Structure formats: structure tokens, C-alpha cells
Amino acid sequence: MKLELVLATPAFLASADAQRVLPNLSAPVTEVDERVLEELCDADSPKGILGVVRLPRQGLSEFEALPETDLYLYGYQIQDPGNLGAMARTGEAFGVGALLLSPNTVHPNHPRALRASAGSLLRLPVAVGVEPAELTSTVLSRRLNTAALVPRGGTPLDHYRPEFPLLLIVGSEGAGLPDSILRQADSLLTVPISQTVESLNVTVATSVVLWQLQSRREETSR
């Protein structure tokens, strides 16, 4: 991640925040009118300063190695940037070591995804454009158990006994996961909910599962 340019308004440059922030920046600062900054920012209330950052993303084959961790998360064709960002934030909170994203998933550099992640998309290793067939790649360095999250018909979450290291696979908001992925998964996993509710939001369901997996990991480590 490289900071390439910083734009700031006259009001910000005259503020105490500027005296605290600017000496720590590694890029030159250009003064711009407030109206210019408002047009460039997608935030409702710009804070008077804008940084332009280069944040390249890699495919799975370009990683020399992903972190040796007990838990990975694969998002298949997640469309909503807010969902992706919140999923990354929850994943980091509950011990996911890396986030893998399929083709046709919203880009992790989308501004709303980055904001919703509260920094997690800047800290977690993220691989983009990962085809389902790559999930057995030697890049992952070891055999992973796989659990695919489905709205109905899988093993109830409270009855599931995970085996680590584990890859949790979650599907798009509308279509979910294709049969080709479900057939290859070691387990199908379902969050039990009321029959009157068709399904949970993908990020909510993923959060519930990751919390339970974290609890199970803590139990087995005692």
C-alpha cells in the first residue's frame, strides 16, 4: 500500500489536526478548494483531507504463501460492498487468517467495502479472482476441510463439529452457492432459524458461524 497524493482544504491545513497529521505523511500535500474535495470524495461529510493510495490486489496464484492459519473464508460472488466489508471485519474479529474472493465478487477496494470493513480489508490478506477449482491449490500448502454455508438442509450449526484447518465457503446474496461447489464441500452447514424467515443476510449468517467456530477452537485448545 503506497500513499501517492494528499489533497487538503485551506481550513484543514490551518487546523490543529493538520499539525498532528501532516508531518507523518509520506506524500506531498496539495491545497484544493473545499468544493473540489467534495466532488472527489464519496463521503457525505469530507473531513478536509483526502489521500490517494495505491492498493494492489493479487490472485491466489500470486501469493508466495498464505498465512498458516486454522481458518480461511471464501466469498463466492458477493455483490454488495457493504456486505463484503462487514464480512471482512467480522472475519478478522473471529480469527480468519485470509479472505479469498471469487471472480464476479465486488472488488475489496470499493470505497463502501473499505469503510464497512473498518480497516480489516487493509490488514487481512485478500486474494481476488479465486476460482473454486483453485481452493485445492498447493498455494494453501495443506489439506483443508471445507464447509459450505447453505440456508436450509445442512448440518445445524449447533450440531456441527468442525475439523481444523477449515475453509468456510459462503455464497452470493441472491443465488447462494452453485451445486458444483456444494458437491465438493466436505460439509454443508446451516444456521437454524425460524421457518417464517427464508434466509439470513449473508454477512449475518457468516458472522454467526464464525463466532461459533471461534468458540469451538477455544474449546479444543484448552
C-alpha atoms as a PDB file:
ATOM      1  CA  MET A   1       0.000   0.000   0.000  1.00  0.00           C
ATOM      2  CA  LYS A   2       1.539   3.293  -1.115  1.00  0.00           C
ATOM      3  CA  LEU A   3       0.342   6.827  -0.407  1.00  0.00           C
ATOM      4  CA  GLU A   4       0.753   8.761  -3.663  1.00  0.00           C
ATOM      5  CA  LEU A   5      -1.004  12.086  -3.162  1.00  0.00           C
ATOM      6  CA  VAL A   6      -2.727  14.095  -0.443  1.00  0.00           C
ATOM      7  CA  LEU A   7      -5.289  16.842  -1.053  1.00  0.00           C
ATOM      8  CA  ALA A   8      -6.330  19.200   1.732  1.00  0.00           C
ATOM      9  CA  THR A   9      -8.511  22.277   2.100  1.00  0.00           C
ATOM     10  CA  PRO A  10      -7.242  25.601   3.491  1.00  0.00           C
ATOM     11  CA  ALA A  11      -9.391  25.139   6.581  1.00  0.00           C
ATOM     12  CA  PHE A  12      -7.856  21.758   7.330  1.00  0.00           C
ATOM     13  CA  LEU A  13      -4.312  22.997   6.734  1.00  0.00           C
ATOM     14  CA  ALA A  14      -4.882  25.719   9.331  1.00  0.00           C
ATOM     15  CA  SER A  15      -6.244  23.296  11.918  1.00  0.00           C
ATOM     16  CA  ALA A  16      -4.553  21.597  14.846  1.00  0.00           C
ATOM     17  CA  ASP A  17      -5.283  18.219  13.203  1.00  0.00           C
ATOM     18  CA  ALA A  18      -3.084  19.221  10.271  1.00  0.00           C
ATOM     19  CA  GLN A  19      -0.159  19.955  12.583  1.00  0.00           C
ATOM     20  CA  ARG A  20      -0.524  16.487  14.049  1.00  0.00           C
ATOM     21  CA  VAL A  21      -1.155  14.545  10.817  1.00  0.00           C
ATOM     22  CA  LEU A  22       0.899  16.177   8.064  1.00  0.00           C
ATOM     23  CA  PRO A  23       4.406  15.517   9.467  1.00  0.00           C
ATOM     24  CA  ASN A  24       3.659  11.778   9.359  1.00  0.00           C
ATOM     25  CA  LEU A  25       2.630  11.656   5.701  1.00  0.00           C
ATOM     26  CA  SER A  26       4.923  10.177   3.063  1.00  0.00           C
ATOM     27  CA  ALA A  27       3.394  12.044   0.099  1.00  0.00           C
ATOM     28  CA  PRO A  28       3.217  15.716  -0.882  1.00  0.00           C
ATOM     29  CA  VAL A  29       0.159  17.747   0.120  1.00  0.00           C
ATOM     30  CA  THR A  30      -1.725  19.818  -2.451  1.00  0.00           C
ATOM     31  CA  GLU A  31      -4.097  22.555  -1.323  1.00  0.00           C
ATOM     32  CA  VAL A  32      -7.519  22.471  -3.037  1.00  0.00           C
ATOM     33  CA  ASP A  33     -10.795  24.323  -2.702  1.00  0.00           C
ATOM     34  CA  GLU A  34     -13.446  22.736  -0.492  1.00  0.00           C
ATOM     35  CA  ARG A  35     -15.782  22.303  -3.495  1.00  0.00           C
ATOM     36  CA  VAL A  36     -13.119  20.311  -5.330  1.00  0.00           C
ATOM     37  CA  LEU A  37     -12.652  17.985  -2.376  1.00  0.00           C
ATOM     38  CA  GLU A  38     -16.409  17.466  -2.035  1.00  0.00           C
ATOM     39  CA  GLU A  39     -16.650  16.448  -5.691  1.00  0.00           C
ATOM     40  CA  LEU A  40     -13.802  13.971  -5.346  1.00  0.00           C
ATOM     41  CA  CYS A  41     -14.972  12.374  -2.094  1.00  0.00           C
ATOM     42  CA  ASP A  42     -17.856   9.932  -1.904  1.00  0.00           C
ATOM     43  CA  ALA A  43     -18.297  10.611   1.825  1.00  0.00           C
ATOM     44  CA  ASP A  44     -21.260  12.756   2.856  1.00  0.00           C
ATOM     45  CA  SER A  45     -19.110  14.968   5.083  1.00  0.00           C
ATOM     46  CA  PRO A  46     -15.472  15.175   3.928  1.00  0.00           C
ATOM     47  CA  LYS A  47     -13.025  15.953   6.726  1.00  0.00           C
ATOM     48  CA  GLY A  48     -10.947  18.364   4.698  1.00  0.00           C
ATOM     49  CA  ILE A  49      -8.244  15.930   3.647  1.00  0.00           C
ATOM     50  CA  LEU A  50      -8.113  13.190   1.029  1.00  0.00           C
ATOM     51  CA  GLY A  51      -5.359  10.645   0.408  1.00  0.00           C
ATOM     52  CA  VAL A  52      -4.832   8.785  -2.866  1.00  0.00           C
ATOM     53  CA  VAL A  53      -3.454   5.330  -2.117  1.00  0.00           C
ATOM     54  CA  ARG A  54      -2.313   2.554  -4.441  1.00  0.00           C
ATOM     55  CA  LEU A  55      -3.580  -0.738  -3.034  1.00  0.00           C
ATOM     56  CA  PRO A  56      -2.832  -3.610  -5.435  1.00  0.00           C
ATOM     57  CA  ARG A  57      -4.685  -6.898  -5.002  1.00  0.00           C
ATOM     58  CA  GLN A  58      -3.361 -10.304  -6.012  1.00  0.00           C
ATOM     59  CA  GLY A  59      -4.839 -13.524  -7.265  1.00  0.00           C
ATOM     60  CA  LEU A  60      -4.250 -16.671  -5.264  1.00  0.00           C
ATOM     61  CA  SER A  61      -1.511 -17.902  -7.594  1.00  0.00           C
ATOM     62  CA  GLU A  62       0.468 -14.698  -6.998  1.00  0.00           C
ATOM     63  CA  PHE A  63       0.799 -15.275  -3.254  1.00  0.00           C
ATOM     64  CA  GLU A  64       4.032 -16.982  -2.319  1.00  0.00           C
ATOM     65  CA  ALA A  65       2.140 -18.426   0.631  1.00  0.00           C
ATOM     66  CA  LEU A  66      -0.941 -17.555   2.607  1.00  0.00           C
ATOM     67  CA  PRO A  67      -0.715 -17.386   6.396  1.00  0.00           C
ATOM     68  CA  GLU A  68      -0.647 -20.748   8.166  1.00  0.00           C
ATOM     69  CA  THR A  69      -3.937 -20.425   9.982  1.00  0.00           C
ATOM     70  CA  ASP A  70      -6.770 -22.627  11.187  1.00  0.00           C
ATOM     71  CA  LEU A  71      -9.494 -20.714   9.363  1.00  0.00           C
ATOM     72  CA  TYR A  72      -9.933 -19.263   5.882  1.00  0.00           C
ATOM     73  CA  LEU A  73     -13.020 -17.633   4.362  1.00  0.00           C
ATOM     74  CA  TYR A  74     -14.073 -17.885   0.701  1.00  0.00           C
ATOM     75  CA  GLY A  75     -16.707 -15.463  -0.618  1.00  0.00           C
ATOM     76  CA  TYR A  76     -18.425 -16.547  -3.834  1.00  0.00           C
ATOM     77  CA  GLN A  77     -19.815 -13.721  -5.990  1.00  0.00           C
ATOM     78  CA  ILE A  78     -20.611 -11.371  -3.099  1.00  0.00           C
ATOM     79  CA  GLN A  79     -22.217  -8.352  -4.754  1.00  0.00           C
ATOM     80  CA  ASP A  80     -22.797  -5.747  -2.074  1.00  0.00           C
ATOM     81  CA  PRO A  81     -19.688  -3.794  -0.987  1.00  0.00           C
ATOM     82  CA  GLY A  82     -21.139  -3.182   2.453  1.00  0.00           C
ATOM     83  CA  ASN A  83     -21.625  -6.917   2.946  1.00  0.00           C
ATOM     84  CA  LEU A  84     -18.081  -7.636   1.845  1.00  0.00           C
ATOM     85  CA  GLY A  85     -16.605  -5.023   4.151  1.00  0.00           C
ATOM     86  CA  ALA A  86     -18.623  -6.175   7.152  1.00  0.00           C
ATOM     87  CA  MET A  87     -17.711  -9.788   6.366  1.00  0.00           C
ATOM     88  CA  ALA A  88     -14.020  -8.914   6.393  1.00  0.00           C
ATOM     89  CA  ARG A  89     -14.409  -7.053   9.682  1.00  0.00           C
ATOM     90  CA  THR A  90     -16.200  -9.995  11.291  1.00  0.00           C
ATOM     91  CA  GLY A  91     -13.707 -12.406   9.806  1.00  0.00           C
ATOM     92  CA  GLU A  92     -10.772 -10.586  11.323  1.00  0.00           C
ATOM     93  CA  ALA A  93     -12.586 -10.331  14.667  1.00  0.00           C
ATOM     94  CA  PHE A  94     -13.141 -14.099  14.811  1.00  0.00           C
ATOM     95  CA  GLY A  95      -9.755 -15.302  13.656  1.00  0.00           C
ATOM     96  CA  VAL A  96      -9.965 -15.674   9.874  1.00  0.00           C
ATOM     97  CA  GLY A  97      -6.406 -15.671   8.573  1.00  0.00           C
ATOM     98  CA  ALA A  98      -7.123 -14.843   4.929  1.00  0.00           C
ATOM     99  CA  LEU A  99     -10.086 -13.847   2.772  1.00  0.00           C
ATOM    100  CA  LEU A 100     -10.436 -15.426  -0.686  1.00  0.00           C
ATOM    101  CA  LEU A 101     -12.829 -13.871  -3.219  1.00  0.00           C
ATOM    102  CA  SER A 102     -14.231 -15.462  -6.368  1.00  0.00           C
ATOM    103  CA  PRO A 103     -14.484 -13.806  -9.773  1.00  0.00           C
ATOM    104  CA  ASN A 104     -17.555 -11.545 -10.080  1.00  0.00           C
ATOM    105  CA  THR A 105     -17.277 -10.540  -6.425  1.00  0.00           C
ATOM    106  CA  VAL A 106     -17.299  -6.817  -5.678  1.00  0.00           C
ATOM    107  CA  HIS A 107     -13.743  -5.513  -5.504  1.00  0.00           C
ATOM    108  CA  PRO A 108     -12.322  -5.200  -1.981  1.00  0.00           C
ATOM    109  CA  ASN A 109     -11.052  -1.708  -2.830  1.00  0.00           C
ATOM    110  CA  HIS A 110     -14.585  -0.400  -3.356  1.00  0.00           C
ATOM    111  CA  PRO A 111     -14.935   2.666  -1.088  1.00  0.00           C
ATOM    112  CA  ARG A 112     -18.032   1.337   0.693  1.00  0.00           C
ATOM    113  CA  ALA A 113     -16.374  -2.033   1.255  1.00  0.00           C
ATOM    114  CA  LEU A 114     -13.311  -0.380   2.752  1.00  0.00           C
ATOM    115  CA  ARG A 115     -15.414   1.810   5.046  1.00  0.00           C
ATOM    116  CA  ALA A 116     -17.617  -1.081   6.187  1.00  0.00           C
ATOM    117  CA  SER A 117     -14.531  -3.147   6.985  1.00  0.00           C
ATOM    118  CA  ALA A 118     -13.262  -0.532   9.470  1.00  0.00           C
ATOM    119  CA  GLY A 119      -9.706  -1.267   8.357  1.00  0.00           C
ATOM    120  CA  SER A 120      -9.947  -5.068   8.121  1.00  0.00           C
ATOM    121  CA  LEU A 121      -9.611  -5.039   4.315  1.00  0.00           C
ATOM    122  CA  LEU A 122      -6.298  -3.211   4.814  1.00  0.00           C
ATOM    123  CA  ARG A 123      -4.976  -5.766   7.304  1.00  0.00           C
ATOM    124  CA  LEU A 124      -6.294  -9.157   6.177  1.00  0.00           C
ATOM    125  CA  PRO A 125      -4.547 -10.960   3.318  1.00  0.00           C
ATOM    126  CA  VAL A 126      -7.087 -10.847   0.455  1.00  0.00           C
ATOM    127  CA  ALA A 127      -6.869 -12.887  -2.755  1.00  0.00           C
ATOM    128  CA  VAL A 128      -9.138 -11.825  -5.623  1.00  0.00           C
ATOM    129  CA  GLY A 129     -10.434 -13.677  -8.686  1.00  0.00           C
ATOM    130  CA  VAL A 130     -10.078 -17.069  -6.979  1.00  0.00           C
ATOM    131  CA  GLU A 131     -11.796 -19.802  -8.989  1.00  0.00           C
ATOM    132  CA  PRO A 132     -13.423 -22.621  -6.975  1.00  0.00           C
ATOM    133  CA  ALA A 133     -11.000 -25.090  -8.564  1.00  0.00           C
ATOM    134  CA  GLU A 134      -8.096 -23.152  -7.016  1.00  0.00           C
ATOM    135  CA  LEU A 135      -9.269 -23.888  -3.486  1.00  0.00           C
ATOM    136  CA  THR A 136      -7.349 -27.171  -3.591  1.00  0.00           C
ATOM    137  CA  SER A 137      -4.237 -25.391  -4.855  1.00  0.00           C
ATOM    138  CA  THR A 138      -0.892 -26.101  -3.264  1.00  0.00           C
ATOM    139  CA  VAL A 139      -0.734 -22.369  -2.515  1.00  0.00           C
ATOM    140  CA  LEU A 140      -2.852 -23.215   0.516  1.00  0.00           C
ATOM    141  CA  SER A 141       0.003 -25.581   1.438  1.00  0.00           C
ATOM    142  CA  ARG A 142      -2.094 -28.207   3.226  1.00  0.00           C
ATOM    143  CA  ARG A 143      -5.336 -30.137   3.074  1.00  0.00           C
ATOM    144  CA  LEU A 144      -8.247 -28.074   4.316  1.00  0.00           C
ATOM    145  CA  ASN A 145     -11.606 -29.272   5.494  1.00  0.00           C
ATOM    146  CA  THR A 146     -14.333 -27.338   3.703  1.00  0.00           C
ATOM    147  CA  ALA A 147     -17.739 -26.282   4.995  1.00  0.00           C
ATOM    148  CA  ALA A 148     -20.259 -24.611   2.677  1.00  0.00           C
ATOM    149  CA  LEU A 149     -22.932 -22.417   4.239  1.00  0.00           C
ATOM    150  CA  VAL A 150     -26.467 -23.126   2.965  1.00  0.00           C
ATOM    151  CA  PRO A 151     -29.789 -21.623   4.148  1.00  0.00           C
ATOM    152  CA  ARG A 152     -31.556 -24.982   4.590  1.00  0.00           C
ATOM    153  CA  GLY A 153     -30.773 -28.672   4.746  1.00  0.00           C
ATOM    154  CA  GLY A 154     -27.229 -28.628   6.086  1.00  0.00           C
ATOM    155  CA  THR A 155     -25.902 -29.798   9.420  1.00  0.00           C
ATOM    156  CA  PRO A 156     -27.335 -27.471  12.082  1.00  0.00           C
ATOM    157  CA  LEU A 157     -24.633 -25.175  13.390  1.00  0.00           C
ATOM    158  CA  ASP A 158     -25.105 -26.285  16.984  1.00  0.00           C
ATOM    159  CA  HIS A 159     -24.523 -29.928  15.954  1.00  0.00           C
ATOM    160  CA  TYR A 160     -21.501 -29.241  13.766  1.00  0.00           C
ATOM    161  CA  ARG A 161     -18.103 -30.411  14.983  1.00  0.00           C
ATOM    162  CA  PRO A 162     -15.515 -28.620  12.865  1.00  0.00           C
ATOM    163  CA  GLU A 163     -12.144 -30.078  11.974  1.00  0.00           C
ATOM    164  CA  PHE A 164      -9.358 -27.542  11.527  1.00  0.00           C
ATOM    165  CA  PRO A 165      -7.772 -26.182   9.426  1.00  0.00           C
ATOM    166  CA  LEU A 166     -11.063 -25.182   7.850  1.00  0.00           C
ATOM    167  CA  LEU A 167     -12.200 -23.241   4.793  1.00  0.00           C
ATOM    168  CA  LEU A 168     -15.658 -21.706   5.219  1.00  0.00           C
ATOM    169  CA  ILE A 169     -17.410 -21.065   1.897  1.00  0.00           C
ATOM    170  CA  VAL A 170     -20.253 -18.548   1.651  1.00  0.00           C
ATOM    171  CA  GLY A 171     -22.316 -17.625  -1.398  1.00  0.00           C
ATOM    172  CA  SER A 172     -23.829 -14.607  -3.069  1.00  0.00           C
ATOM    173  CA  GLU A 173     -26.724 -12.689  -1.548  1.00  0.00           C
ATOM    174  CA  GLY A 174     -29.306 -13.958  -4.036  1.00  0.00           C
ATOM    175  CA  ALA A 175     -28.257 -17.208  -5.666  1.00  0.00           C
ATOM    176  CA  GLY A 176     -26.110 -18.647  -2.879  1.00  0.00           C
ATOM    177  CA  LEU A 177     -23.625 -21.358  -3.836  1.00  0.00           C
ATOM    178  CA  PRO A 178     -23.753 -23.408  -7.054  1.00  0.00           C
ATOM    179  CA  ASP A 179     -24.184 -27.191  -6.957  1.00  0.00           C
ATOM    180  CA  SER A 180     -20.642 -27.641  -8.263  1.00  0.00           C
ATOM    181  CA  ILE A 181     -19.250 -26.145  -5.034  1.00  0.00           C
ATOM    182  CA  LEU A 182     -21.756 -27.878  -2.765  1.00  0.00           C
ATOM    183  CA  ARG A 183     -20.843 -31.295  -4.182  1.00  0.00           C
ATOM    184  CA  GLN A 184     -17.169 -30.768  -3.438  1.00  0.00           C
ATOM    185  CA  ALA A 185     -17.581 -29.475   0.124  1.00  0.00           C
ATOM    186  CA  ASP A 186     -16.833 -31.819   2.995  1.00  0.00           C
ATOM    187  CA  SER A 187     -19.805 -30.479   4.950  1.00  0.00           C
ATOM    188  CA  LEU A 188     -22.921 -28.391   4.363  1.00  0.00           C
ATOM    189  CA  LEU A 189     -23.688 -26.109   7.262  1.00  0.00           C
ATOM    190  CA  THR A 190     -26.930 -24.325   8.187  1.00  0.00           C
ATOM    191  CA  VAL A 191     -27.768 -21.722  10.810  1.00  0.00           C
ATOM    192  CA  PRO A 192     -31.114 -22.830  12.313  1.00  0.00           C
ATOM    193  CA  ILE A 193     -33.727 -20.079  12.002  1.00  0.00           C
ATOM    194  CA  SER A 194     -37.494 -19.718  12.238  1.00  0.00           C
ATOM    195  CA  GLN A 195     -39.470 -21.320   9.411  1.00  0.00           C
ATOM    196  CA  THR A 196     -41.158 -17.983   8.792  1.00  0.00           C
ATOM    197  CA  VAL A 197     -37.835 -16.459   7.689  1.00  0.00           C
ATOM    198  CA  GLU A 198     -36.483 -17.553   4.309  1.00  0.00           C
ATOM    199  CA  SER A 199     -32.817 -16.839   4.995  1.00  0.00           C
ATOM    200  CA  LEU A 200     -30.349 -14.594   6.781  1.00  0.00           C
ATOM    201  CA  ASN A 201     -28.265 -11.860   5.220  1.00  0.00           C
ATOM    202  CA  VAL A 202     -25.013 -13.471   4.094  1.00  0.00           C
ATOM    203  CA  THR A 203     -22.909 -11.322   6.406  1.00  0.00           C
ATOM    204  CA  VAL A 204     -25.146 -12.008   9.398  1.00  0.00           C
ATOM    205  CA  ALA A 205     -25.074 -15.759   8.759  1.00  0.00           C
ATOM    206  CA  THR A 206     -21.307 -15.726   8.260  1.00  0.00           C
ATOM    207  CA  SER A 207     -20.862 -13.784  11.491  1.00  0.00           C
ATOM    208  CA  VAL A 208     -22.898 -16.300  13.484  1.00  0.00           C
ATOM    209  CA  VAL A 209     -20.916 -19.216  12.045  1.00  0.00           C
ATOM    210  CA  LEU A 210     -17.528 -17.583  12.608  1.00  0.00           C
ATOM    211  CA  TRP A 211     -18.418 -16.791  16.216  1.00  0.00           C
ATOM    212  CA  GLN A 212     -19.359 -20.426  16.786  1.00  0.00           C
ATOM    213  CA  LEU A 213     -16.192 -21.673  15.083  1.00  0.00           C
ATOM    214  CA  GLN A 214     -14.096 -19.396  17.263  1.00  0.00           C
ATOM    215  CA  SER A 215     -15.797 -20.832  20.353  1.00  0.00           C
ATOM    216  CA  ARG A 216     -15.103 -24.379  19.181  1.00  0.00           C
ATOM    217  CA  ARG A 217     -11.449 -23.573  18.533  1.00  0.00           C
ATOM    218  CA  GLU A 218     -11.112 -22.180  22.031  1.00  0.00           C
ATOM    219  CA  GLU A 219     -12.718 -25.323  23.463  1.00  0.00           C
ATOM    220  CA  THR A 220     -10.315 -27.662  21.648  1.00  0.00           C
ATOM    221  CA  SER A 221      -7.255 -25.611  22.633  1.00  0.00           C
ATOM    222  CA  ARG A 222      -7.933 -25.893  26.361  1.00  0.00           C
END
